[in-house]
Amino acid sequence: MTPDPTANEHDRAIAPPTPDPAQVKADLLAAETSAWEVARPVFTKWCASCHTKAGKKAAKKKLDHFDMDPYPPGGHHAGTIGFTIRDVLGITGKKPKMPSDKPGSVKGDDLAKIKAWTDTWETSEKAGAHQAVAPDRHDH
């Protein structure tokens, strides 16, 4: 049987277009920002007192670690913030360290909203959608 010489043309004609990398990154960042907006009230409830400039317990050292005033968050954990938040809240199975006055108190729907944001953050990070950030200079 002779191969069909038009098969390749036909396959190319119905093949989906190659996604635009810039659009893919923009879509990932939009999903991440949307998840942040859902999680923001949880961060405000549990983290803002230490990790915003207006927080009652804010201090330079705390803001240098994690500053949730801007988005994306700042601080020297910015390049690993999704992973770091998972660790300090116990999402990864490690013993929770935060909030500092009640470690392990972020639970249920609150924790699920933060995890959903960290999942979208990680997807964006792995796809290279985030701007390069200096490596985390802090030993945990």
Protein backbone atom coordinates (compact mmCIF):
# COMPACT_ATOMS: atom_id res chain seq x y z
CA MET A 1 0.00 0.00 0.00
CA THR A 2 1.35 3.41 -0.95
CA PRO A 3 1.47 6.05 1.81
CA ASP A 4 -0.87 9.00 1.35
CA PRO A 5 1.31 11.99 0.35
CA THR A 6 -1.29 14.42 1.75
CA ALA A 7 -1.34 12.85 5.21
CA ASN A 8 1.28 15.21 6.60
CA GLU A 9 -0.45 18.25 5.12
CA HIS A 10 -3.75 17.10 6.59
CA ASP A 11 -2.17 16.50 10.02
CA ARG A 12 -0.64 19.98 9.95
CA ALA A 13 -3.95 21.52 8.92
CA ILE A 14 -5.80 20.13 11.94
CA ALA A 15 -2.96 20.31 14.46
CA PRO A 16 -3.66 22.83 17.19
CA PRO A 17 -1.63 26.02 16.96
CA THR A 18 1.47 26.26 19.12
CA PRO A 19 0.59 28.32 22.18
CA ASP A 20 2.20 31.73 22.46
CA PRO A 21 4.67 31.47 25.41
CA ALA A 22 3.96 35.04 26.49
CA GLN A 23 0.22 34.34 26.55
CA VAL A 24 0.74 31.11 28.51
CA LYS A 25 2.76 33.02 31.13
CA ALA A 26 0.16 35.80 31.25
CA ASP A 27 -2.61 33.23 31.76
CA LEU A 28 -0.67 31.49 34.54
CA LEU A 29 -0.01 34.79 36.31
CA ALA A 30 -3.69 35.76 35.97
CA ALA A 31 -4.74 32.46 37.59
CA GLU A 32 -2.17 32.99 40.34
CA THR A 33 -3.33 36.54 41.02
CA SER A 34 -6.94 35.36 41.12
CA ALA A 35 -6.04 32.65 43.66
CA TRP A 36 -4.15 35.28 45.70
CA GLU A 37 -7.28 37.46 45.80
CA VAL A 38 -9.25 34.50 47.17
CA ALA A 39 -6.52 33.76 49.74
CA ARG A 40 -5.81 37.40 50.65
CA PRO A 41 -8.44 37.57 53.45
CA VAL A 42 -6.83 34.50 55.01
CA PHE A 43 -3.37 36.05 54.78
CA THR A 44 -4.82 39.24 56.24
CA LYS A 45 -6.43 37.34 59.12
CA TRP A 46 -3.40 35.23 60.02
CA CYS A 47 -0.30 37.00 58.66
CA ALA A 48 -0.88 40.74 58.26
CA SER A 49 -0.14 41.68 61.86
CA CYS A 50 3.52 40.75 61.29
CA HIS A 51 3.96 40.80 57.52
CA THR A 52 2.50 44.16 56.48
CA LYS A 53 3.97 47.57 57.23
CA ALA A 54 0.76 48.57 59.06
CA GLY A 55 0.70 45.38 61.15
CA LYS A 56 0.74 45.76 64.94
CA LYS A 57 3.61 43.26 65.28
CA ALA A 58 5.46 44.24 62.11
CA ALA A 59 9.22 44.57 62.33
CA LYS A 60 11.92 44.98 59.74
CA LYS A 61 13.11 41.40 60.24
CA LYS A 62 9.61 39.99 59.68
CA LEU A 63 9.03 42.14 56.60
CA ASP A 64 12.47 41.22 55.27
CA HIS A 65 11.35 37.56 55.40
CA PHE A 66 7.87 38.00 53.92
CA ASP A 67 6.21 41.28 52.99
CA MET A 68 2.65 40.81 51.82
CA ASP A 69 2.04 44.50 51.11
CA PRO A 70 2.99 44.20 47.42
CA TYR A 71 1.94 41.51 44.99
CA PRO A 72 3.80 39.42 44.30
CA PRO A 73 4.94 39.29 47.92
CA GLY A 74 8.33 40.72 48.76
CA GLY A 75 11.05 39.77 51.18
CA HIS A 76 14.00 37.49 50.78
CA HIS A 77 11.68 34.47 50.53
CA ALA A 78 9.99 35.96 47.43
CA GLY A 79 11.69 33.51 45.06
CA THR A 80 10.46 30.52 47.08
CA ILE A 81 7.40 32.04 48.74
CA GLY A 82 4.90 29.36 47.73
CA PHE A 83 7.16 26.57 48.97
CA THR A 84 8.10 28.50 52.12
CA ILE A 85 4.48 29.20 53.05
CA ARG A 86 3.61 25.53 52.59
CA ASP A 87 6.42 24.57 54.95
CA VAL A 88 5.72 27.13 57.69
CA LEU A 89 1.98 26.37 57.70
CA GLY A 90 2.53 22.60 57.76
CA ILE A 91 0.99 21.91 54.34
CA THR A 92 4.03 19.81 53.37
CA GLY A 93 3.73 17.66 56.48
CA LYS A 94 6.39 19.55 58.39
CA LYS A 95 5.52 20.82 61.84
CA PRO A 96 3.81 24.23 61.43
CA LYS A 97 5.86 27.23 62.57
CA MET A 98 3.37 29.97 61.76
CA PRO A 99 1.54 31.99 62.79
CA SER A 100 4.28 32.57 65.33
CA ASP A 101 1.87 33.01 68.24
CA LYS A 102 -0.35 30.02 67.26
CA PRO A 103 1.54 27.58 65.01
CA GLY A 104 -0.81 25.23 63.22
CA SER A 105 -3.92 27.35 63.76
CA VAL A 106 -4.52 27.97 60.04
CA LYS A 107 -6.81 25.06 59.15
CA GLY A 108 -9.75 23.94 57.06
CA ASP A 109 -11.02 26.29 54.36
CA ASP A 110 -8.45 28.93 55.31
CA LEU A 111 -5.59 26.52 54.77
CA ALA A 112 -7.19 25.21 51.55
CA LYS A 113 -7.32 28.74 50.10
CA ILE A 114 -3.67 29.33 50.89
CA LYS A 115 -2.72 25.93 49.44
CA ALA A 116 -4.68 26.72 46.26
CA TRP A 117 -2.69 29.93 45.89
CA THR A 118 0.63 28.15 46.50
CA ASP A 119 -0.34 25.58 43.85
CA THR A 120 -0.91 28.32 41.25
CA TRP A 121 2.27 30.08 42.38
CA GLU A 122 4.25 26.86 41.90
CA THR A 123 2.77 26.28 38.44
CA SER A 124 3.76 29.81 37.42
CA GLU A 125 7.21 29.38 38.94
CA LYS A 126 7.87 26.09 37.13
CA ALA A 127 6.76 27.64 33.84
CA GLY A 128 9.18 30.54 34.27
CA ALA A 129 6.39 33.11 34.52
CA HIS A 130 7.90 34.88 37.52
CA GLN A 131 10.64 37.43 37.20
CA ALA A 132 13.97 36.15 38.44
CA VAL A 133 14.48 36.78 42.12
CA ALA A 134 17.73 36.53 44.02
CA PRO A 135 18.08 33.16 45.78
CA ASP A 136 16.79 32.83 49.32
CA ARG A 137 19.67 33.90 51.59
CA HIS A 138 18.18 32.52 54.75
CA ASP A 139 18.64 29.22 56.53
CA HIS A 140 15.29 28.07 57.85
